[in-house]
Amino acid sequence: MPTPRPPAIQQADDAETLHTESVTMRLLIDAEQAGGAVSTLEVTMARGADGAAPHFHTRSDELFYVAEGELQLLAGERLVTVGAGGTAVVPKNTTHAFGATPDSGARILIALMPGVQRFGYFRLLERIARGEATFDELAASQDEYDNHFVDAPRWWQERTAQRR
């Protein structure tokens, strides 16, 4: 029998925490720690906050579990609201985006399966929010982090309409 890889365990107090103006990201377990099986993080968004712009992944499916609040999710052609306790899995190569609904914040668990080393991507987002990095750097990192941005006018129309 092959030797199993060791379990990947992250204690709550040991998780690296990153912040933007309205989003907190707790980096839980990255692909390297899990033998490539999964990358996980917890995202907490203020009421109506945008989580991720429309994008897709070529190597991983993405699971969203809503622990608290309500999540607005673009998944392919569908725009849905997922409440606390709800789950969604977006297959690879499917455009998706997410944010908290206008009436609620949200705390979600995200898992990419199989995992991709992504913690560097979230650190880059935090540096952009602080003015220490540029969107050009983000665009240049799309292949490295398997996060490919796309235009999704319907998503932005919906998000803009909710802010009026």
C-alpha atoms as a PDB file:
ATOM      1  CA  MET A   1       0.000   0.000   0.000  1.00  0.00           C
ATOM      2  CA  PRO A   2       1.416   3.442  -0.908  1.00  0.00           C
ATOM      3  CA  THR A   3       2.314   5.790   1.913  1.00  0.00           C
ATOM      4  CA  PRO A   4      -0.528   8.315   2.355  1.00  0.00           C
ATOM      5  CA  ARG A   5       0.289  12.009   2.417  1.00  0.00           C
ATOM      6  CA  PRO A   6      -0.002  13.611   5.837  1.00  0.00           C
ATOM      7  CA  PRO A   7      -3.269  15.356   6.722  1.00  0.00           C
ATOM      8  CA  ALA A   8      -3.390  19.109   6.097  1.00  0.00           C
ATOM      9  CA  ILE A   9      -4.594  20.869   9.235  1.00  0.00           C
ATOM     10  CA  GLN A  10      -4.934  24.596   9.849  1.00  0.00           C
ATOM     11  CA  GLN A  11      -5.851  25.947  13.274  1.00  0.00           C
ATOM     12  CA  ALA A  12      -8.043  29.071  13.267  1.00  0.00           C
ATOM     13  CA  ASP A  13      -5.492  31.261  15.050  1.00  0.00           C
ATOM     14  CA  ASP A  14      -2.734  30.248  12.613  1.00  0.00           C
ATOM     15  CA  ALA A  15      -4.513  31.278   9.395  1.00  0.00           C
ATOM     16  CA  GLU A  16      -3.035  34.273   7.574  1.00  0.00           C
ATOM     17  CA  THR A  17      -5.649  37.040   7.301  1.00  0.00           C
ATOM     18  CA  LEU A  18      -5.747  39.620   4.506  1.00  0.00           C
ATOM     19  CA  HIS A  19      -7.993  42.663   4.139  1.00  0.00           C
ATOM     20  CA  THR A  20      -9.374  45.031   1.550  1.00  0.00           C
ATOM     21  CA  GLU A  21     -11.819  47.835   2.344  1.00  0.00           C
ATOM     22  CA  SER A  22     -14.883  45.559   2.533  1.00  0.00           C
ATOM     23  CA  VAL A  23     -13.511  42.005   2.335  1.00  0.00           C
ATOM     24  CA  THR A  24     -11.507  39.847   4.749  1.00  0.00           C
ATOM     25  CA  MET A  25      -9.790  36.694   3.473  1.00  0.00           C
ATOM     26  CA  ARG A  26      -8.511  33.966   5.787  1.00  0.00           C
ATOM     27  CA  LEU A  27      -6.038  31.755   3.932  1.00  0.00           C
ATOM     28  CA  LEU A  28      -6.681  28.233   5.191  1.00  0.00           C
ATOM     29  CA  ILE A  29      -4.956  25.435   3.253  1.00  0.00           C
ATOM     30  CA  ASP A  30      -3.155  25.921  -0.066  1.00  0.00           C
ATOM     31  CA  ALA A  31      -2.524  23.234  -2.671  1.00  0.00           C
ATOM     32  CA  GLU A  32       1.038  22.498  -1.585  1.00  0.00           C
ATOM     33  CA  GLN A  33      -0.105  21.721   1.980  1.00  0.00           C
ATOM     34  CA  ALA A  34      -2.831  19.367   0.672  1.00  0.00           C
ATOM     35  CA  GLY A  35      -0.729  17.470  -1.844  1.00  0.00           C
ATOM     36  CA  GLY A  36      -2.489  19.307  -4.673  1.00  0.00           C
ATOM     37  CA  ALA A  37      -5.949  18.068  -3.669  1.00  0.00           C
ATOM     38  CA  VAL A  38      -7.518  21.408  -2.680  1.00  0.00           C
ATOM     39  CA  SER A  39      -6.944  25.116  -1.973  1.00  0.00           C
ATOM     40  CA  THR A  40      -9.231  26.691   0.637  1.00  0.00           C
ATOM     41  CA  LEU A  41      -9.997  30.077   2.090  1.00  0.00           C
ATOM     42  CA  GLU A  42     -12.713  31.834   4.053  1.00  0.00           C
ATOM     43  CA  VAL A  43     -14.043  35.126   2.676  1.00  0.00           C
ATOM     44  CA  THR A  44     -16.092  37.578   4.719  1.00  0.00           C
ATOM     45  CA  MET A  45     -17.772  40.401   2.789  1.00  0.00           C
ATOM     46  CA  ALA A  46     -19.557  43.480   4.099  1.00  0.00           C
ATOM     47  CA  ARG A  47     -23.140  44.122   3.002  1.00  0.00           C
ATOM     48  CA  GLY A  48     -23.238  44.420  -0.803  1.00  0.00           C
ATOM     49  CA  ALA A  49     -19.457  43.987  -1.209  1.00  0.00           C
ATOM     50  CA  ASP A  50     -18.047  42.549  -4.416  1.00  0.00           C
ATOM     51  CA  GLY A  51     -16.094  39.356  -3.891  1.00  0.00           C
ATOM     52  CA  ALA A  52     -14.646  38.411  -7.278  1.00  0.00           C
ATOM     53  CA  ALA A  53     -15.037  39.877 -10.757  1.00  0.00           C
ATOM     54  CA  PRO A  54     -16.165  37.508 -13.544  1.00  0.00           C
ATOM     55  CA  HIS A  55     -13.516  34.898 -14.265  1.00  0.00           C
ATOM     56  CA  PHE A  56     -13.002  31.192 -14.889  1.00  0.00           C
ATOM     57  CA  HIS A  57     -10.481  28.504 -13.988  1.00  0.00           C
ATOM     58  CA  THR A  58      -9.085  25.965 -16.466  1.00  0.00           C
ATOM     59  CA  ARG A  59      -7.752  23.439 -13.939  1.00  0.00           C
ATOM     60  CA  SER A  60     -10.174  23.441 -11.004  1.00  0.00           C
ATOM     61  CA  ASP A  61     -13.824  23.268 -10.021  1.00  0.00           C
ATOM     62  CA  GLU A  62     -14.763  25.796  -7.321  1.00  0.00           C
ATOM     63  CA  LEU A  63     -16.973  25.054  -4.330  1.00  0.00           C
ATOM     64  CA  PHE A  64     -18.767  27.804  -2.417  1.00  0.00           C
ATOM     65  CA  TYR A  65     -20.320  27.109   0.994  1.00  0.00           C
ATOM     66  CA  VAL A  66     -22.267  29.986   2.546  1.00  0.00           C
ATOM     67  CA  ALA A  67     -21.719  29.914   6.320  1.00  0.00           C
ATOM     68  CA  GLU A  68     -23.506  33.217   7.056  1.00  0.00           C
ATOM     69  CA  GLY A  69     -25.528  35.774   5.125  1.00  0.00           C
ATOM     70  CA  GLU A  70     -26.393  35.680   1.438  1.00  0.00           C
ATOM     71  CA  LEU A  71     -24.151  35.297  -1.587  1.00  0.00           C
ATOM     72  CA  GLN A  72     -25.044  36.529  -5.050  1.00  0.00           C
ATOM     73  CA  LEU A  73     -23.407  34.212  -7.575  1.00  0.00           C
ATOM     74  CA  LEU A  74     -22.964  34.265 -11.325  1.00  0.00           C
ATOM     75  CA  ALA A  75     -22.455  30.656 -12.458  1.00  0.00           C
ATOM     76  CA  GLY A  76     -22.357  30.369 -16.227  1.00  0.00           C
ATOM     77  CA  GLU A  77     -25.593  31.982 -17.403  1.00  0.00           C
ATOM     78  CA  ARG A  78     -27.289  31.755 -13.996  1.00  0.00           C
ATOM     79  CA  LEU A  79     -27.559  34.557 -11.466  1.00  0.00           C
ATOM     80  CA  VAL A  80     -28.586  33.080  -8.124  1.00  0.00           C
ATOM     81  CA  THR A  81     -28.697  33.990  -4.461  1.00  0.00           C
ATOM     82  CA  VAL A  82     -27.397  31.314  -2.108  1.00  0.00           C
ATOM     83  CA  GLY A  83     -28.338  31.672   1.553  1.00  0.00           C
ATOM     84  CA  ALA A  84     -26.649  30.470   4.717  1.00  0.00           C
ATOM     85  CA  GLY A  85     -26.130  26.715   4.649  1.00  0.00           C
ATOM     86  CA  GLY A  86     -26.296  26.626   0.841  1.00  0.00           C
ATOM     87  CA  THR A  87     -23.604  25.307  -1.461  1.00  0.00           C
ATOM     88  CA  ALA A  88     -22.664  25.671  -5.119  1.00  0.00           C
ATOM     89  CA  VAL A  89     -20.002  23.989  -7.251  1.00  0.00           C
ATOM     90  CA  VAL A  90     -18.898  25.808 -10.405  1.00  0.00           C
ATOM     91  CA  PRO A  91     -17.163  23.513 -12.927  1.00  0.00           C
ATOM     92  CA  LYS A  92     -13.844  24.507 -14.466  1.00  0.00           C
ATOM     93  CA  ASN A  93     -14.079  26.641 -17.633  1.00  0.00           C
ATOM     94  CA  THR A  94     -17.356  28.171 -16.375  1.00  0.00           C
ATOM     95  CA  THR A  95     -17.533  31.946 -15.959  1.00  0.00           C
ATOM     96  CA  HIS A  96     -18.432  32.928 -12.415  1.00  0.00           C
ATOM     97  CA  ALA A  97     -18.386  35.882 -10.029  1.00  0.00           C
ATOM     98  CA  PHE A  98     -19.680  36.509  -6.528  1.00  0.00           C
ATOM     99  CA  GLY A  99     -20.509  39.165  -3.982  1.00  0.00           C
ATOM    100  CA  ALA A 100     -22.618  39.741  -0.909  1.00  0.00           C
ATOM    101  CA  THR A 101     -26.221  40.686  -1.599  1.00  0.00           C
ATOM    102  CA  PRO A 102     -27.253  44.332  -1.119  1.00  0.00           C
ATOM    103  CA  ASP A 103     -29.161  43.468   2.069  1.00  0.00           C
ATOM    104  CA  SER A 104     -26.632  41.158   3.655  1.00  0.00           C
ATOM    105  CA  GLY A 105     -22.987  40.532   4.275  1.00  0.00           C
ATOM    106  CA  ALA A 106     -21.673  37.023   3.714  1.00  0.00           C
ATOM    107  CA  ARG A 107     -19.102  34.637   5.140  1.00  0.00           C
ATOM    108  CA  ILE A 108     -18.193  31.846   2.735  1.00  0.00           C
ATOM    109  CA  LEU A 109     -15.778  28.947   2.410  1.00  0.00           C
ATOM    110  CA  ILE A 110     -14.207  28.536  -1.025  1.00  0.00           C
ATOM    111  CA  ALA A 111     -12.417  25.387  -2.161  1.00  0.00           C
ATOM    112  CA  LEU A 112     -10.657  24.899  -5.494  1.00  0.00           C
ATOM    113  CA  MET A 113     -10.417  21.227  -6.463  1.00  0.00           C
ATOM    114  CA  PRO A 114      -7.853  20.128  -7.439  1.00  0.00           C
ATOM    115  CA  GLY A 115      -5.873  22.763  -5.675  1.00  0.00           C
ATOM    116  CA  VAL A 116      -3.797  25.483  -7.289  1.00  0.00           C
ATOM    117  CA  GLN A 117      -1.236  27.484  -5.301  1.00  0.00           C
ATOM    118  CA  ARG A 118      -3.381  30.619  -4.841  1.00  0.00           C
ATOM    119  CA  PHE A 119      -2.322  32.370  -1.665  1.00  0.00           C
ATOM    120  CA  GLY A 120       0.045  34.586  -3.692  1.00  0.00           C
ATOM    121  CA  TYR A 121      -2.970  35.730  -5.730  1.00  0.00           C
ATOM    122  CA  PHE A 122      -4.857  36.860  -2.606  1.00  0.00           C
ATOM    123  CA  ARG A 123      -1.765  38.636  -1.291  1.00  0.00           C
ATOM    124  CA  LEU A 124      -1.565  40.466  -4.630  1.00  0.00           C
ATOM    125  CA  LEU A 125      -5.221  41.551  -4.273  1.00  0.00           C
ATOM    126  CA  GLU A 126      -4.448  42.994  -0.852  1.00  0.00           C
ATOM    127  CA  ARG A 127      -1.424  44.868  -2.243  1.00  0.00           C
ATOM    128  CA  ILE A 128      -3.608  46.311  -5.031  1.00  0.00           C
ATOM    129  CA  ALA A 129      -6.149  47.473  -2.434  1.00  0.00           C
ATOM    130  CA  ARG A 130      -3.339  49.252  -0.541  1.00  0.00           C
ATOM    131  CA  GLY A 131      -2.010  50.865  -3.737  1.00  0.00           C
ATOM    132  CA  GLU A 132       1.214  48.821  -3.623  1.00  0.00           C
ATOM    133  CA  ALA A 133       0.523  46.824  -6.832  1.00  0.00           C
ATOM    134  CA  THR A 134      -1.351  47.447 -10.079  1.00  0.00           C
ATOM    135  CA  PHE A 135      -4.125  45.800 -12.047  1.00  0.00           C
ATOM    136  CA  ASP A 136      -1.524  45.179 -14.768  1.00  0.00           C
ATOM    137  CA  GLU A 137       0.270  42.888 -12.314  1.00  0.00           C
ATOM    138  CA  LEU A 138      -3.026  41.097 -11.674  1.00  0.00           C
ATOM    139  CA  ALA A 139      -3.621  40.658 -15.410  1.00  0.00           C
ATOM    140  CA  ALA A 140      -0.088  39.298 -15.827  1.00  0.00           C
ATOM    141  CA  SER A 141      -0.711  36.670 -13.116  1.00  0.00           C
ATOM    142  CA  GLN A 142      -3.775  35.034 -14.726  1.00  0.00           C
ATOM    143  CA  ASP A 143      -1.964  31.934 -15.994  1.00  0.00           C
ATOM    144  CA  GLU A 144       0.106  31.480 -12.836  1.00  0.00           C
ATOM    145  CA  TYR A 145      -2.963  31.444 -10.573  1.00  0.00           C
ATOM    146  CA  ASP A 146      -5.413  29.962 -13.135  1.00  0.00           C
ATOM    147  CA  ASN A 147      -7.714  32.936 -12.702  1.00  0.00           C
ATOM    148  CA  HIS A 148      -8.783  34.217 -16.132  1.00  0.00           C
ATOM    149  CA  PHE A 149     -10.878  37.398 -16.163  1.00  0.00           C
ATOM    150  CA  VAL A 150     -13.715  37.825 -18.681  1.00  0.00           C
ATOM    151  CA  ASP A 151     -16.302  40.427 -19.558  1.00  0.00           C
ATOM    152  CA  ALA A 152     -19.753  39.627 -18.147  1.00  0.00           C
ATOM    153  CA  PRO A 153     -21.994  42.685 -18.680  1.00  0.00           C
ATOM    154  CA  ARG A 154     -25.047  40.984 -17.179  1.00  0.00           C
ATOM    155  CA  TRP A 155     -23.210  40.533 -13.857  1.00  0.00           C
ATOM    156  CA  TRP A 156     -22.192  44.191 -13.671  1.00  0.00           C
ATOM    157  CA  GLN A 157     -25.650  45.400 -14.771  1.00  0.00           C
ATOM    158  CA  GLU A 158     -27.213  43.418 -11.930  1.00  0.00           C
ATOM    159  CA  ARG A 159     -24.668  44.583  -9.344  1.00  0.00           C
ATOM    160  CA  THR A 160     -25.026  48.225 -10.454  1.00  0.00           C
ATOM    161  CA  ALA A 161     -28.835  48.069 -10.449  1.00  0.00           C
ATOM    162  CA  GLN A 162     -28.797  46.793  -6.857  1.00  0.00           C
ATOM    163  CA  ARG A 163     -26.732  49.769  -5.696  1.00  0.00           C
ATOM    164  CA  ARG A 164     -29.275  52.384  -6.776  1.00  0.00           C
END
